[in-house]
N, C-alpha and C. Protein backbone atom coordinates (compact mmCIF):
# COMPACT_ATOMS: atom_id res chain seq x y z
N UNK A 1 152.17 112.23 106.09
CA UNK A 1 152.55 110.94 105.51
C UNK A 1 152.44 109.86 106.56
N UNK A 2 151.93 108.70 106.18
CA UNK A 2 151.89 107.57 107.09
C UNK A 2 153.29 107.05 107.30
N UNK A 3 153.69 106.92 108.54
CA UNK A 3 155.04 106.44 108.82
C UNK A 3 155.22 105.04 108.28
N UNK A 4 156.35 104.80 107.61
CA UNK A 4 156.64 103.45 107.15
C UNK A 4 157.53 102.73 108.13
N UNK A 5 157.72 103.34 109.29
CA UNK A 5 158.50 102.68 110.34
C UNK A 5 157.59 101.85 111.21
N UNK A 6 158.09 100.72 111.68
CA UNK A 6 157.32 99.90 112.60
C UNK A 6 157.34 100.48 114.00
N UNK A 7 158.17 101.51 114.21
CA UNK A 7 158.26 102.13 115.53
C UNK A 7 157.04 103.01 115.73
N UNK A 8 156.06 102.55 116.48
CA UNK A 8 154.83 103.29 116.67
C UNK A 8 154.45 103.28 118.13
N UNK A 9 153.65 104.25 118.56
CA UNK A 9 153.26 104.34 119.96
C UNK A 9 152.41 103.15 120.34
N UNK A 10 152.67 102.60 121.50
CA UNK A 10 151.93 101.44 121.96
C UNK A 10 150.93 101.86 123.04
N UNK A 11 149.78 101.21 123.01
CA UNK A 11 148.76 101.51 124.00
C UNK A 11 149.13 100.83 125.30
N UNK A 12 149.32 101.59 126.40
CA UNK A 12 149.77 100.99 127.66
C UNK A 12 148.66 100.20 128.34
N UNK A 13 149.08 99.39 129.28
CA UNK A 13 148.12 98.67 130.09
C UNK A 13 147.73 97.33 129.51
N UNK A 14 147.02 96.54 130.31
CA UNK A 14 146.60 95.21 129.89
C UNK A 14 145.10 95.10 130.10
N UNK A 15 144.39 94.71 129.04
CA UNK A 15 142.95 94.53 129.13
C UNK A 15 142.67 93.04 129.29
N UNK A 16 142.16 92.61 130.44
CA UNK A 16 141.95 91.17 130.66
C UNK A 16 140.86 90.62 129.76
N UNK A 17 141.00 89.38 129.38
CA UNK A 17 140.01 88.69 128.56
C UNK A 17 138.83 88.31 129.44
N UNK A 18 137.63 88.57 128.94
CA UNK A 18 136.43 88.25 129.72
C UNK A 18 136.28 86.74 129.90
N UNK A 19 135.77 86.37 131.05
CA UNK A 19 135.58 84.95 131.34
C UNK A 19 134.49 84.34 130.46
N UNK A 20 133.66 85.20 129.86
CA UNK A 20 132.56 84.71 129.01
C UNK A 20 133.01 84.45 127.58
N UNK A 21 134.24 84.84 127.24
CA UNK A 21 134.73 84.69 125.87
C UNK A 21 134.79 83.22 125.48
N UNK A 22 134.16 82.89 124.35
CA UNK A 22 134.11 81.51 123.90
C UNK A 22 134.70 81.32 122.51
N UNK A 23 134.66 82.35 121.67
CA UNK A 23 135.08 82.21 120.28
C UNK A 23 136.29 83.08 119.98
N UNK A 24 137.36 82.46 119.49
CA UNK A 24 138.55 83.18 119.08
C UNK A 24 138.56 83.26 117.56
N UNK A 25 138.54 84.46 117.03
CA UNK A 25 138.47 84.69 115.59
C UNK A 25 139.82 85.24 115.12
N UNK A 26 140.41 84.60 114.13
CA UNK A 26 141.76 84.94 113.69
C UNK A 26 141.74 85.69 112.36
N UNK A 27 142.43 86.84 112.34
CA UNK A 27 142.60 87.65 111.15
C UNK A 27 144.10 87.87 110.93
N UNK A 28 144.53 87.79 109.66
CA UNK A 28 145.94 87.99 109.33
C UNK A 28 146.10 89.28 108.52
N UNK A 29 147.13 90.05 108.83
CA UNK A 29 147.46 91.26 108.07
C UNK A 29 148.74 90.98 107.30
N UNK A 30 148.67 91.05 105.97
CA UNK A 30 149.82 90.72 105.13
C UNK A 30 150.11 91.87 104.17
N UNK A 31 151.25 91.79 103.53
CA UNK A 31 151.65 92.82 102.58
C UNK A 31 153.15 92.86 102.45
N UNK A 32 153.63 93.75 101.61
CA UNK A 32 155.05 93.86 101.36
C UNK A 32 155.83 94.44 102.52
N UNK A 33 157.12 94.53 102.34
CA UNK A 33 158.05 95.04 103.34
C UNK A 33 157.80 96.53 103.60
N UNK A 34 157.55 96.88 104.87
CA UNK A 34 157.42 98.27 105.25
C UNK A 34 156.14 98.96 104.84
N UNK A 35 155.05 98.20 104.60
CA UNK A 35 153.80 98.85 104.19
C UNK A 35 152.95 99.33 105.37
N UNK A 36 153.33 98.95 106.61
CA UNK A 36 152.60 99.44 107.77
C UNK A 36 151.82 98.39 108.54
N UNK A 37 152.16 97.11 108.38
CA UNK A 37 151.41 96.05 109.05
C UNK A 37 151.54 96.13 110.56
N UNK A 38 152.76 96.32 111.06
CA UNK A 38 152.97 96.44 112.51
C UNK A 38 152.25 97.68 113.04
N UNK A 39 152.28 98.76 112.27
CA UNK A 39 151.61 99.99 112.69
C UNK A 39 150.11 99.78 112.80
N UNK A 40 149.51 99.08 111.83
CA UNK A 40 148.07 98.84 111.86
C UNK A 40 147.68 97.98 113.06
N UNK A 41 148.40 96.88 113.27
CA UNK A 41 148.08 96.02 114.42
C UNK A 41 148.21 96.79 115.72
N UNK A 42 149.27 97.59 115.84
CA UNK A 42 149.48 98.35 117.06
C UNK A 42 148.44 99.42 117.29
N UNK A 43 147.94 100.03 116.21
CA UNK A 43 146.98 101.13 116.37
C UNK A 43 145.61 100.65 116.83
N UNK A 44 145.25 99.43 116.47
CA UNK A 44 143.89 98.97 116.73
C UNK A 44 143.80 97.99 117.90
N UNK A 45 144.91 97.43 118.33
CA UNK A 45 144.88 96.43 119.40
C UNK A 45 144.52 97.07 120.74
N UNK A 46 143.72 96.35 121.53
CA UNK A 46 143.33 96.85 122.86
C UNK A 46 144.39 96.52 123.90
N UNK A 47 145.33 95.67 123.57
CA UNK A 47 146.42 95.32 124.46
C UNK A 47 147.73 95.81 123.86
N UNK A 48 148.77 95.84 124.68
CA UNK A 48 150.08 96.16 124.16
C UNK A 48 150.47 95.04 123.19
N UNK A 49 150.65 95.35 121.91
CA UNK A 49 150.88 94.28 120.93
C UNK A 49 152.19 93.54 121.19
N UNK A 50 152.14 92.26 120.93
CA UNK A 50 153.36 91.47 120.90
C UNK A 50 153.97 91.64 119.52
N UNK A 51 155.25 91.95 119.46
CA UNK A 51 155.91 92.00 118.15
C UNK A 51 157.27 91.34 118.25
N UNK A 52 157.75 90.93 117.11
CA UNK A 52 159.05 90.26 117.03
C UNK A 52 159.95 91.08 116.13
N UNK A 53 160.16 92.33 116.53
CA UNK A 53 160.96 93.24 115.73
C UNK A 53 162.42 93.19 116.12
N UNK A 54 163.25 93.35 115.12
CA UNK A 54 164.69 93.44 115.34
C UNK A 54 165.21 94.68 114.62
N UNK A 55 166.25 95.26 115.18
CA UNK A 55 166.86 96.43 114.55
C UNK A 55 167.52 96.02 113.23
N UNK A 56 167.28 96.82 112.22
CA UNK A 56 167.87 96.54 110.92
C UNK A 56 169.34 96.93 110.93
N UNK A 57 170.18 96.07 110.36
CA UNK A 57 171.62 96.29 110.35
C UNK A 57 172.14 96.24 108.92
N UNK A 58 173.43 96.44 108.79
CA UNK A 58 174.04 96.39 107.46
C UNK A 58 173.98 95.00 106.84
N UNK A 59 173.75 94.00 107.67
CA UNK A 59 173.67 92.63 107.15
C UNK A 59 172.51 92.47 106.17
N UNK A 60 171.50 93.34 106.32
CA UNK A 60 170.34 93.26 105.43
C UNK A 60 170.51 94.02 104.14
N UNK A 61 171.58 94.79 104.02
CA UNK A 61 171.83 95.54 102.79
C UNK A 61 172.05 94.58 101.63
N UNK A 62 171.39 94.87 100.52
CA UNK A 62 171.50 93.99 99.38
C UNK A 62 170.51 92.84 99.41
N UNK A 63 169.85 92.63 100.56
CA UNK A 63 168.83 91.58 100.69
C UNK A 63 167.45 92.21 100.72
N UNK A 64 167.26 93.20 101.61
CA UNK A 64 166.00 93.93 101.70
C UNK A 64 166.09 95.20 100.85
N UNK A 65 165.06 95.47 100.07
CA UNK A 65 165.01 96.67 99.26
C UNK A 65 164.52 97.82 100.12
N UNK A 66 165.42 98.73 100.47
CA UNK A 66 165.09 99.86 101.35
C UNK A 66 164.84 101.14 100.57
N UNK A 67 164.77 101.07 99.26
CA UNK A 67 164.66 102.28 98.45
C UNK A 67 163.41 103.09 98.77
N UNK A 68 162.33 102.43 99.15
CA UNK A 68 161.08 103.14 99.44
C UNK A 68 160.86 103.32 100.94
N UNK A 69 161.73 102.77 101.77
CA UNK A 69 161.55 102.84 103.23
C UNK A 69 162.87 103.20 103.90
N UNK A 70 163.49 104.26 103.44
CA UNK A 70 164.84 104.61 103.90
C UNK A 70 164.89 104.97 105.38
N UNK A 71 163.76 105.40 105.97
CA UNK A 71 163.74 105.78 107.37
C UNK A 71 163.43 104.61 108.30
N UNK A 72 163.22 103.44 107.75
CA UNK A 72 162.85 102.29 108.57
C UNK A 72 164.05 101.81 109.37
N UNK A 73 163.84 101.59 110.67
CA UNK A 73 164.94 101.20 111.56
C UNK A 73 164.78 99.81 112.16
N UNK A 74 163.56 99.26 112.09
CA UNK A 74 163.33 97.93 112.64
C UNK A 74 162.38 97.17 111.72
N UNK A 75 162.35 95.85 111.89
CA UNK A 75 161.53 95.03 111.00
C UNK A 75 161.03 93.79 111.73
N UNK A 76 159.84 93.32 111.33
CA UNK A 76 159.26 92.12 111.92
C UNK A 76 159.94 90.88 111.35
N UNK A 77 160.36 89.96 112.23
CA UNK A 77 161.05 88.76 111.77
C UNK A 77 160.24 87.49 112.02
N UNK A 78 159.09 87.59 112.65
CA UNK A 78 158.22 86.42 112.83
C UNK A 78 156.77 86.86 112.60
N UNK A 79 156.16 87.54 113.59
CA UNK A 79 154.82 88.07 113.39
C UNK A 79 154.51 89.08 114.48
N UNK A 80 153.48 89.89 114.24
CA UNK A 80 152.92 90.78 115.26
C UNK A 80 151.63 90.16 115.76
N UNK A 81 151.25 90.51 116.99
CA UNK A 81 150.01 89.95 117.54
C UNK A 81 149.28 91.01 118.33
N UNK A 82 147.98 91.15 118.06
CA UNK A 82 147.13 92.07 118.81
C UNK A 82 145.78 91.44 119.07
N UNK A 83 144.96 92.10 119.89
CA UNK A 83 143.68 91.53 120.28
C UNK A 83 142.61 92.61 120.36
N UNK A 84 141.39 92.24 119.94
CA UNK A 84 140.24 93.14 120.05
C UNK A 84 139.08 92.33 120.59
N UNK A 85 138.45 92.79 121.67
CA UNK A 85 137.25 92.14 122.19
C UNK A 85 136.05 92.69 121.44
N UNK A 86 135.35 91.82 120.71
CA UNK A 86 134.19 92.26 119.93
C UNK A 86 132.95 92.37 120.79
N UNK A 87 132.72 91.37 121.62
CA UNK A 87 131.62 91.38 122.57
C UNK A 87 131.93 90.35 123.65
N UNK A 88 130.94 90.02 124.48
CA UNK A 88 131.19 89.15 125.63
C UNK A 88 131.67 87.76 125.22
N UNK A 89 131.29 87.31 124.01
CA UNK A 89 131.64 85.95 123.61
C UNK A 89 132.74 85.86 122.57
N UNK A 90 132.96 86.94 121.81
CA UNK A 90 133.85 86.86 120.66
C UNK A 90 135.06 87.77 120.79
N UNK A 91 136.23 87.18 120.52
CA UNK A 91 137.49 87.92 120.59
C UNK A 91 138.21 87.78 119.25
N UNK A 92 138.71 88.89 118.74
CA UNK A 92 139.43 88.90 117.47
C UNK A 92 140.92 88.95 117.74
N UNK A 93 141.65 88.01 117.16
CA UNK A 93 143.11 87.99 117.26
C UNK A 93 143.71 88.41 115.92
N UNK A 94 144.61 89.37 115.98
CA UNK A 94 145.26 89.89 114.78
C UNK A 94 146.70 89.40 114.70
N UNK A 95 147.08 88.88 113.55
CA UNK A 95 148.45 88.44 113.32
C UNK A 95 149.01 89.21 112.13
N UNK A 96 150.08 89.96 112.36
CA UNK A 96 150.74 90.67 111.28
C UNK A 96 151.90 89.85 110.75
N UNK A 97 151.89 89.57 109.45
CA UNK A 97 152.92 88.72 108.85
C UNK A 97 154.15 89.53 108.48
N UNK A 98 155.33 88.92 108.52
CA UNK A 98 156.55 89.62 108.09
C UNK A 98 156.52 89.87 106.59
N UNK A 99 157.12 90.98 106.16
CA UNK A 99 157.02 91.35 104.76
C UNK A 99 158.16 90.90 103.87
N UNK A 100 159.34 90.66 104.43
CA UNK A 100 160.48 90.30 103.59
C UNK A 100 160.31 88.91 102.98
N UNK A 101 160.80 88.78 101.76
CA UNK A 101 160.63 87.52 101.03
C UNK A 101 161.23 86.34 101.78
N UNK A 102 162.33 86.55 102.50
CA UNK A 102 162.97 85.42 103.17
C UNK A 102 162.15 84.88 104.34
N UNK A 103 161.09 85.61 104.75
CA UNK A 103 160.21 85.13 105.82
C UNK A 103 158.86 84.66 105.31
N UNK A 104 158.67 84.61 104.00
CA UNK A 104 157.38 84.22 103.45
C UNK A 104 157.01 82.79 103.79
N UNK A 105 158.00 81.96 104.11
CA UNK A 105 157.69 80.57 104.45
C UNK A 105 156.81 80.48 105.70
N UNK A 106 156.77 81.55 106.51
CA UNK A 106 155.95 81.58 107.71
C UNK A 106 154.47 81.83 107.40
N UNK A 107 154.19 82.35 106.22
CA UNK A 107 152.83 82.78 105.92
C UNK A 107 151.82 81.64 105.96
N UNK A 108 152.17 80.48 105.40
CA UNK A 108 151.23 79.37 105.36
C UNK A 108 150.77 79.00 106.77
N UNK A 109 151.70 79.03 107.73
CA UNK A 109 151.35 78.73 109.12
C UNK A 109 150.39 79.79 109.67
N UNK A 110 150.68 81.06 109.35
CA UNK A 110 149.83 82.14 109.86
C UNK A 110 148.44 82.10 109.24
N UNK A 111 148.33 81.67 107.98
CA UNK A 111 147.03 81.59 107.32
C UNK A 111 146.16 80.48 107.90
N UNK A 112 146.79 79.48 108.48
CA UNK A 112 146.04 78.33 109.00
C UNK A 112 145.03 78.77 110.06
N UNK A 113 143.76 78.45 109.83
CA UNK A 113 142.71 78.78 110.79
C UNK A 113 142.20 80.20 110.72
N UNK A 114 142.71 81.00 109.77
CA UNK A 114 142.28 82.39 109.68
C UNK A 114 140.93 82.50 108.98
N UNK A 115 140.05 83.34 109.53
CA UNK A 115 138.77 83.59 108.88
C UNK A 115 138.94 84.45 107.64
N UNK A 116 139.92 85.36 107.69
CA UNK A 116 140.13 86.26 106.58
C UNK A 116 141.42 87.03 106.77
N UNK A 117 141.69 87.91 105.81
CA UNK A 117 142.96 88.64 105.84
C UNK A 117 142.77 90.06 105.32
N UNK A 118 143.68 90.92 105.73
CA UNK A 118 143.80 92.28 105.19
C UNK A 118 145.13 92.33 104.43
N UNK A 119 145.06 92.71 103.15
CA UNK A 119 146.28 92.94 102.37
C UNK A 119 146.53 94.44 102.37
N UNK A 120 147.59 94.86 103.04
CA UNK A 120 147.94 96.28 103.12
C UNK A 120 148.90 96.61 101.98
N UNK A 121 148.59 97.67 101.23
CA UNK A 121 149.41 97.98 100.06
C UNK A 121 149.90 99.42 100.10
N UNK A 122 151.04 99.61 99.44
CA UNK A 122 151.65 100.92 99.24
C UNK A 122 151.65 101.15 97.73
N UNK A 123 150.96 102.18 97.26
CA UNK A 123 150.81 102.37 95.81
C UNK A 123 152.13 102.68 95.11
N UNK A 124 153.18 103.04 95.88
CA UNK A 124 154.47 103.30 95.26
C UNK A 124 155.16 102.01 94.82
N UNK A 125 154.69 100.87 95.34
CA UNK A 125 155.31 99.58 95.00
C UNK A 125 154.26 98.47 95.09
N UNK A 126 153.25 98.60 94.24
CA UNK A 126 152.14 97.66 94.25
C UNK A 126 152.57 96.23 93.92
N UNK A 127 153.66 96.10 93.16
CA UNK A 127 154.10 94.77 92.76
C UNK A 127 154.41 93.89 93.96
N UNK A 128 154.71 94.50 95.12
CA UNK A 128 155.02 93.72 96.31
C UNK A 128 153.77 93.10 96.93
N UNK A 129 152.60 93.48 96.43
CA UNK A 129 151.34 92.96 96.96
C UNK A 129 150.87 91.71 96.23
N UNK A 130 151.42 91.47 95.05
CA UNK A 130 150.92 90.37 94.23
C UNK A 130 151.11 89.02 94.90
N UNK A 131 152.25 88.82 95.55
CA UNK A 131 152.50 87.52 96.17
C UNK A 131 151.48 87.25 97.28
N UNK A 132 151.20 88.27 98.10
CA UNK A 132 150.24 88.09 99.19
C UNK A 132 148.87 87.72 98.65
N UNK A 133 148.43 88.41 97.62
CA UNK A 133 147.11 88.12 97.04
C UNK A 133 147.09 86.72 96.45
N UNK A 134 148.15 86.35 95.76
CA UNK A 134 148.23 85.02 95.15
C UNK A 134 148.18 83.93 96.20
N UNK A 135 148.93 84.09 97.31
CA UNK A 135 148.94 83.07 98.36
C UNK A 135 147.57 82.94 99.03
N UNK A 136 146.91 84.07 99.26
CA UNK A 136 145.59 84.02 99.89
C UNK A 136 144.59 83.33 98.98
N UNK A 137 144.65 83.63 97.69
CA UNK A 137 143.74 82.98 96.75
C UNK A 137 144.00 81.48 96.70
N UNK A 138 145.28 81.07 96.74
CA UNK A 138 145.59 79.65 96.73
C UNK A 138 145.08 78.95 97.99
N UNK A 139 145.13 79.65 99.10
CA UNK A 139 144.63 79.09 100.36
C UNK A 139 143.11 79.14 100.46
N UNK A 140 142.47 79.91 99.59
CA UNK A 140 141.02 80.09 99.69
C UNK A 140 140.62 80.97 100.86
N UNK A 141 141.53 81.85 101.28
CA UNK A 141 141.26 82.74 102.41
C UNK A 141 140.66 84.05 101.91
N UNK A 142 139.46 84.40 102.34
CA UNK A 142 138.86 85.67 101.92
C UNK A 142 139.70 86.85 102.42
N UNK A 143 139.71 87.94 101.65
CA UNK A 143 140.51 89.08 102.04
C UNK A 143 139.94 90.37 101.50
N UNK A 144 140.36 91.47 102.13
CA UNK A 144 140.12 92.81 101.60
C UNK A 144 141.48 93.45 101.38
N UNK A 145 141.52 94.46 100.53
CA UNK A 145 142.74 95.19 100.27
C UNK A 145 142.60 96.60 100.81
N UNK A 146 143.60 97.05 101.56
CA UNK A 146 143.58 98.40 102.14
C UNK A 146 144.78 99.19 101.64
N UNK A 147 144.52 100.34 101.03
CA UNK A 147 145.59 101.20 100.55
C UNK A 147 146.04 102.11 101.68
N UNK A 148 147.25 101.90 102.17
CA UNK A 148 147.80 102.76 103.21
C UNK A 148 148.27 104.06 102.56
N UNK A 149 147.83 105.18 103.10
CA UNK A 149 148.02 106.46 102.42
C UNK A 149 149.38 107.08 102.69
N UNK A 150 150.39 106.58 102.01
CA UNK A 150 151.70 107.21 102.01
C UNK A 150 151.69 108.38 101.02
N UNK A 151 152.62 109.31 101.23
CA UNK A 151 152.82 110.34 100.21
C UNK A 151 153.36 109.68 98.95
N UNK A 152 152.94 110.16 97.82
CA UNK A 152 153.41 109.58 96.57
C UNK A 152 152.48 109.95 95.45
N UNK A 153 152.67 109.37 94.26
CA UNK A 153 151.81 109.66 93.13
C UNK A 153 150.35 109.36 93.45
N UNK A 154 149.48 110.21 92.97
CA UNK A 154 148.06 110.02 93.21
C UNK A 154 147.51 108.92 92.31
N UNK A 155 146.85 107.96 92.92
CA UNK A 155 146.19 106.90 92.17
C UNK A 155 144.79 106.73 92.76
N UNK A 156 143.80 106.60 91.90
CA UNK A 156 142.45 106.34 92.39
C UNK A 156 142.36 104.88 92.82
N UNK A 157 141.33 104.57 93.59
CA UNK A 157 141.12 103.17 93.97
C UNK A 157 140.86 102.32 92.74
N UNK A 158 140.22 102.92 91.73
CA UNK A 158 139.99 102.18 90.48
C UNK A 158 141.32 101.84 89.81
N UNK A 159 142.28 102.77 89.87
CA UNK A 159 143.61 102.51 89.32
C UNK A 159 144.27 101.34 90.04
N UNK A 160 144.16 101.36 91.38
CA UNK A 160 144.78 100.30 92.19
C UNK A 160 144.12 98.96 91.89
N UNK A 161 142.79 98.95 91.79
CA UNK A 161 142.08 97.70 91.49
C UNK A 161 142.53 97.13 90.15
N UNK A 162 142.67 98.01 89.16
CA UNK A 162 143.09 97.55 87.83
C UNK A 162 144.53 97.02 87.87
N UNK A 163 145.41 97.74 88.60
CA UNK A 163 146.81 97.33 88.65
C UNK A 163 146.98 95.98 89.34
N UNK A 164 146.15 95.72 90.36
CA UNK A 164 146.24 94.46 91.09
C UNK A 164 145.35 93.38 90.49
N UNK A 165 144.57 93.74 89.46
CA UNK A 165 143.65 92.81 88.81
C UNK A 165 142.71 92.17 89.83
N UNK A 166 142.16 93.03 90.71
CA UNK A 166 141.26 92.55 91.75
C UNK A 166 139.86 92.33 91.20
N UNK A 167 139.24 91.20 91.50
CA UNK A 167 137.85 91.00 91.11
C UNK A 167 136.95 92.04 91.79
N UNK A 168 135.82 92.32 91.18
CA UNK A 168 134.92 93.35 91.71
C UNK A 168 134.41 93.03 93.11
N UNK A 169 134.32 91.74 93.45
CA UNK A 169 133.73 91.39 94.74
C UNK A 169 134.71 91.55 95.90
N UNK A 170 136.00 91.77 95.60
CA UNK A 170 136.99 91.96 96.67
C UNK A 170 137.00 93.43 97.08
N UNK A 171 136.67 93.75 98.34
CA UNK A 171 136.64 95.15 98.78
C UNK A 171 138.02 95.80 98.74
N UNK A 172 138.05 97.06 98.33
CA UNK A 172 139.28 97.85 98.29
C UNK A 172 138.98 99.18 98.97
N UNK A 173 139.73 99.48 100.04
CA UNK A 173 139.44 100.66 100.84
C UNK A 173 140.71 101.45 101.12
N UNK A 174 140.54 102.72 101.50
CA UNK A 174 141.65 103.55 101.94
C UNK A 174 141.83 103.40 103.44
N UNK A 175 143.05 103.63 103.92
CA UNK A 175 143.26 103.63 105.36
C UNK A 175 144.49 104.44 105.73
N UNK A 176 144.55 104.83 106.99
CA UNK A 176 145.73 105.40 107.61
C UNK A 176 146.09 104.46 108.74
N UNK A 177 147.13 103.66 108.56
CA UNK A 177 147.46 102.61 109.52
C UNK A 177 147.78 103.14 110.91
N UNK A 178 148.11 104.44 111.01
CA UNK A 178 148.41 105.02 112.32
C UNK A 178 147.16 105.28 113.14
N UNK A 179 146.02 105.37 112.46
CA UNK A 179 144.77 105.78 113.09
C UNK A 179 143.97 104.57 113.57
N UNK A 180 143.62 104.55 114.84
CA UNK A 180 142.82 103.46 115.38
C UNK A 180 141.48 103.37 114.66
N UNK A 181 140.83 104.51 114.45
CA UNK A 181 139.51 104.52 113.81
C UNK A 181 139.60 104.03 112.37
N UNK A 182 140.61 104.49 111.65
CA UNK A 182 140.77 104.08 110.26
C UNK A 182 141.07 102.59 110.16
N UNK A 183 141.96 102.09 111.01
CA UNK A 183 142.28 100.67 111.00
C UNK A 183 141.06 99.83 111.39
N UNK A 184 140.29 100.35 112.32
CA UNK A 184 139.07 99.65 112.74
C UNK A 184 138.09 99.52 111.58
N UNK A 185 137.98 100.57 110.77
CA UNK A 185 137.07 100.53 109.63
C UNK A 185 137.50 99.48 108.61
N UNK A 186 138.81 99.28 108.46
CA UNK A 186 139.30 98.24 107.57
C UNK A 186 138.83 96.86 108.06
N UNK A 187 138.94 96.63 109.36
CA UNK A 187 138.52 95.34 109.93
C UNK A 187 137.01 95.16 109.81
N UNK A 188 136.27 96.24 110.00
CA UNK A 188 134.82 96.17 109.85
C UNK A 188 134.45 95.79 108.42
N UNK A 189 135.16 96.37 107.45
CA UNK A 189 134.91 96.03 106.05
C UNK A 189 135.20 94.55 105.79
N UNK A 190 136.24 94.03 106.41
CA UNK A 190 136.55 92.61 106.25
C UNK A 190 135.44 91.75 106.84
N UNK A 191 134.96 92.12 108.02
CA UNK A 191 133.87 91.36 108.65
C UNK A 191 132.62 91.39 107.77
N UNK A 192 132.31 92.55 107.20
CA UNK A 192 131.16 92.64 106.30
C UNK A 192 131.35 91.74 105.08
N UNK A 193 132.56 91.73 104.56
CA UNK A 193 132.86 90.89 103.39
C UNK A 193 132.66 89.42 103.75
N UNK A 194 133.16 89.01 104.90
CA UNK A 194 133.01 87.62 105.33
C UNK A 194 131.53 87.26 105.51
N UNK A 195 130.76 88.23 106.04
CA UNK A 195 129.32 87.99 106.22
C UNK A 195 128.63 87.82 104.87
N UNK A 196 128.97 88.67 103.90
CA UNK A 196 128.36 88.54 102.57
C UNK A 196 128.68 87.19 101.93
N UNK A 197 129.93 86.75 102.07
CA UNK A 197 130.32 85.46 101.52
C UNK A 197 129.57 84.31 102.19
N UNK A 198 129.41 84.42 103.52
CA UNK A 198 128.70 83.38 104.26
C UNK A 198 127.23 83.32 103.84
N UNK A 199 126.63 84.49 103.64
CA UNK A 199 125.23 84.55 103.21
C UNK A 199 125.07 83.96 101.81
N UNK A 200 126.00 84.28 100.92
CA UNK A 200 125.94 83.75 99.57
C UNK A 200 126.07 82.23 99.58
N UNK A 201 126.96 81.72 100.43
CA UNK A 201 127.13 80.28 100.54
C UNK A 201 125.88 79.62 101.11
N UNK A 202 125.24 80.29 102.08
CA UNK A 202 124.01 79.75 102.67
C UNK A 202 122.90 79.63 101.61
N UNK A 203 122.78 80.64 100.78
CA UNK A 203 121.77 80.63 99.73
C UNK A 203 122.01 79.49 98.76
N UNK A 204 123.29 79.30 98.38
CA UNK A 204 123.62 78.20 97.47
C UNK A 204 123.25 76.87 98.07
N UNK A 205 123.55 76.68 99.34
CA UNK A 205 123.24 75.41 100.00
C UNK A 205 121.73 75.18 100.05
N UNK A 206 120.98 76.24 100.37
CA UNK A 206 119.53 76.10 100.48
C UNK A 206 118.86 75.83 99.13
N UNK A 207 119.47 76.33 98.06
CA UNK A 207 118.88 76.16 96.73
C UNK A 207 119.34 74.89 96.06
N UNK A 208 120.35 74.23 96.65
CA UNK A 208 120.83 72.97 96.06
C UNK A 208 119.86 71.84 96.39
N UNK A 209 119.35 71.14 95.39
CA UNK A 209 118.37 70.06 95.66
C UNK A 209 119.02 68.93 96.46
């Protein structure tokens, strides 16, 4: 089972940014409470991720729904941050958004300047993904949806697409947020999606009289 705890192993050491780096590319990871956003950022980042986690206390009882994440001990209260060097000129910055409803006001700031987003979902509580998808669509931010593989009822990707009412052009993929390779494939799919959208826009512009 994919851990729903934000407590995950961190990659030690510091990877310096190349002096040739010129382009900073921003990606946001969003989703409901405890779906694995901090875990995904931590698994794929080349640096020790910055996180703003706090220990969960009784003060959150009755505010945060812990029914599906009973083992969770800490939670993000601002954002997570990680970095991936794509090549000598391009660096990808990852921002993981907080999942609790009381922190959603931070999302608009995090979406600002983002090339795209990953919506991480847990099929046991898909309804928590609707707000993230709605906000991204309102912002006009391209996104892909990644199903984090928790133990639970079996649902096909087609079932998930139908439940979320996702258009056919929005990519939907499986992932294990603990796995660097799996998380990397999610980001690659997002980059491919952004490239397809850019190409489609280029064709429209060229064909416009």
